[in-house]
Protein backbone atom coordinates (compact mmCIF):
# COMPACT_ATOMS: atom_id res chain seq x y z
CA UNK A 1 -99.82 7.34 -34.56
CA UNK A 2 -102.41 5.37 -32.63
CA UNK A 3 -104.11 7.18 -29.81
CA UNK A 4 -105.48 5.41 -26.77
CA UNK A 5 -107.79 8.20 -25.65
CA UNK A 6 -111.50 7.38 -25.25
CA UNK A 7 -112.43 9.51 -28.26
CA UNK A 8 -109.93 7.68 -30.44
CA UNK A 9 -111.16 4.28 -29.25
CA UNK A 10 -114.81 5.14 -29.92
CA UNK A 11 -114.22 6.75 -33.30
CA UNK A 12 -115.43 4.93 -36.39
CA UNK A 13 -112.20 5.43 -38.30
CA UNK A 14 -110.17 2.23 -38.62
CA UNK A 15 -106.79 2.42 -36.97
CA UNK A 16 -103.88 0.39 -38.19
CA UNK A 17 -101.28 -1.03 -35.87
CA UNK A 18 -99.19 -2.29 -38.79
CA UNK A 19 -96.30 -0.18 -40.01
CA UNK A 20 -96.43 1.25 -43.51
CA UNK A 21 -96.17 -1.46 -46.19
CA UNK A 22 -92.71 -2.06 -47.51
CA UNK A 23 -92.34 -1.61 -51.26
CA UNK A 24 -90.94 -4.59 -53.13
CA UNK A 25 -88.18 -4.27 -55.66
CA UNK A 26 -87.92 -6.28 -58.86
CA UNK A 27 -90.30 -8.70 -60.52
CA UNK A 28 -92.45 -11.04 -58.45
CA UNK A 29 -94.88 -13.87 -59.08
CA UNK A 30 -97.08 -13.54 -56.04
CA UNK A 31 -94.77 -13.49 -53.02
CA UNK A 32 -91.89 -15.18 -54.90
CA UNK A 33 -89.25 -12.85 -56.35
CA UNK A 34 -87.95 -13.62 -59.84
CA UNK A 35 -84.23 -13.84 -59.19
CA UNK A 36 -81.70 -15.66 -61.39
CA UNK A 37 -81.19 -18.39 -58.76
CA UNK A 38 -84.95 -19.00 -58.45
CA UNK A 39 -85.30 -19.26 -62.21
CA UNK A 40 -82.28 -21.58 -62.47
CA UNK A 41 -83.48 -23.88 -59.69
CA UNK A 42 -86.99 -24.05 -61.17
CA UNK A 43 -85.65 -24.86 -64.64
CA UNK A 44 -83.31 -27.54 -63.24
CA UNK A 45 -86.11 -29.17 -61.25
CA UNK A 46 -88.59 -29.18 -64.13
CA UNK A 47 -85.91 -30.20 -66.64
CA UNK A 48 -84.68 -33.12 -64.56
CA UNK A 49 -88.24 -34.34 -63.97
CA UNK A 50 -88.97 -34.20 -67.71
CA UNK A 51 -85.67 -35.96 -68.43
CA UNK A 52 -86.45 -38.77 -65.96
CA UNK A 53 -89.90 -39.28 -67.49
CA UNK A 54 -88.38 -39.32 -70.99
CA UNK A 55 -85.76 -41.90 -69.98
CA UNK A 56 -88.41 -44.13 -68.40
CA UNK A 57 -90.57 -43.95 -71.53
CA UNK A 58 -87.76 -44.75 -73.98
CA UNK A 59 -86.02 -48.10 -73.85
CA UNK A 60 -82.27 -47.76 -74.34
CA UNK A 61 -79.07 -49.60 -73.51
CA UNK A 62 -77.90 -46.61 -71.44
CA UNK A 63 -81.19 -46.23 -69.57
CA UNK A 64 -79.72 -46.98 -66.13
CA UNK A 65 -76.91 -44.47 -66.56
CA UNK A 66 -79.32 -41.80 -67.81
CA UNK A 67 -81.67 -42.40 -64.88
CA UNK A 68 -78.75 -42.04 -62.47
CA UNK A 69 -77.79 -38.74 -64.11
CA UNK A 70 -81.36 -37.43 -63.99
CA UNK A 71 -81.80 -38.30 -60.33
CA UNK A 72 -78.39 -36.79 -59.49
CA UNK A 73 -79.42 -33.45 -61.04
CA UNK A 74 -82.79 -33.59 -59.30
CA UNK A 75 -81.07 -34.34 -55.97
CA UNK A 76 -78.68 -31.42 -56.40
CA UNK A 77 -81.61 -29.16 -57.23
CA UNK A 78 -83.49 -30.28 -54.13
CA UNK A 79 -80.40 -29.61 -52.01
CA UNK A 80 -80.31 -26.08 -53.45
CA UNK A 81 -84.00 -25.64 -52.59
CA UNK A 82 -83.35 -26.87 -49.04
CA UNK A 83 -80.46 -24.42 -48.61
CA UNK A 84 -82.50 -21.54 -50.02
CA UNK A 85 -85.34 -22.46 -47.65
CA UNK A 86 -82.90 -22.47 -44.73
CA UNK A 87 -81.69 -18.95 -45.60
CA UNK A 88 -85.27 -17.69 -46.02
CA UNK A 89 -86.30 -19.38 -42.77
CA UNK A 90 -83.44 -17.69 -40.91
CA UNK A 91 -84.48 -14.30 -42.28
CA UNK A 92 -88.12 -14.86 -41.41
CA UNK A 93 -87.28 -16.00 -37.89
CA UNK A 94 -85.04 -12.99 -37.31
CA UNK A 95 -87.95 -10.73 -38.29
CA UNK A 96 -90.29 -12.57 -35.89
CA UNK A 97 -92.40 -14.07 -38.69
CA UNK A 98 -92.99 -17.37 -36.94
CA UNK A 99 -95.59 -18.83 -39.31
CA UNK A 100 -93.48 -18.18 -42.39
CA UNK A 101 -90.38 -19.58 -40.68
CA UNK A 102 -92.27 -22.74 -39.70
CA UNK A 103 -93.64 -23.25 -43.22
CA UNK A 104 -90.18 -22.75 -44.71
CA UNK A 105 -88.72 -25.24 -42.23
CA UNK A 106 -91.27 -27.87 -43.28
CA UNK A 107 -90.75 -27.15 -46.99
CA UNK A 108 -86.96 -27.18 -46.69
CA UNK A 109 -87.05 -30.42 -44.70
CA UNK A 110 -89.22 -32.11 -47.33
CA UNK A 111 -86.85 -30.88 -50.06
CA UNK A 112 -83.90 -32.32 -48.12
CA UNK A 113 -85.69 -35.66 -47.74
CA UNK A 114 -86.39 -35.66 -51.48
CA UNK A 115 -82.70 -34.98 -52.13
CA UNK A 116 -81.71 -37.92 -49.93
CA UNK A 117 -84.11 -40.13 -51.89
CA UNK A 118 -82.76 -38.93 -55.24
CA UNK A 119 -79.16 -39.52 -54.19
CA UNK A 120 -80.12 -42.98 -52.93
CA UNK A 121 -81.67 -43.84 -56.30
CA UNK A 122 -78.55 -42.44 -58.01
CA UNK A 123 -76.29 -44.65 -55.90
CA UNK A 124 -78.44 -47.72 -56.52
CA UNK A 125 -78.54 -47.06 -60.28
CA UNK A 126 -74.75 -46.60 -60.30
CA UNK A 127 -74.26 -49.93 -58.49
CA UNK A 128 -76.71 -51.65 -60.84
CA UNK A 129 -74.98 -50.19 -63.87
CA UNK A 130 -71.51 -51.31 -62.73
CA UNK A 131 -72.56 -54.97 -62.34
């Protein structure tokens, strides 16, 4: 308990206004918890990026179709990231963590814009492939 008496204010002992730290459950990499959905989204994002690079490097008759599939998976992954950011932003805002909520809003918005771009490329590749 923090005292506001003159002796407590002048004492050399540091006083903490923060509540006791909350213990975290499960595995974490820094502040990011290792949950199955986080692992799945990370693998899908990395896998689709590697797949797109591989398709671009290799010339094939089905290259347009494969690019469309790679960008569709990447777009779906970015939508999942945007939704997860929205949920985390809501939780942070409800706990009055304004900075974290703002950063999650920016990150989720950029992920949503990336998803729109990926779906646009998918649609263009599908139209190009059908002609």
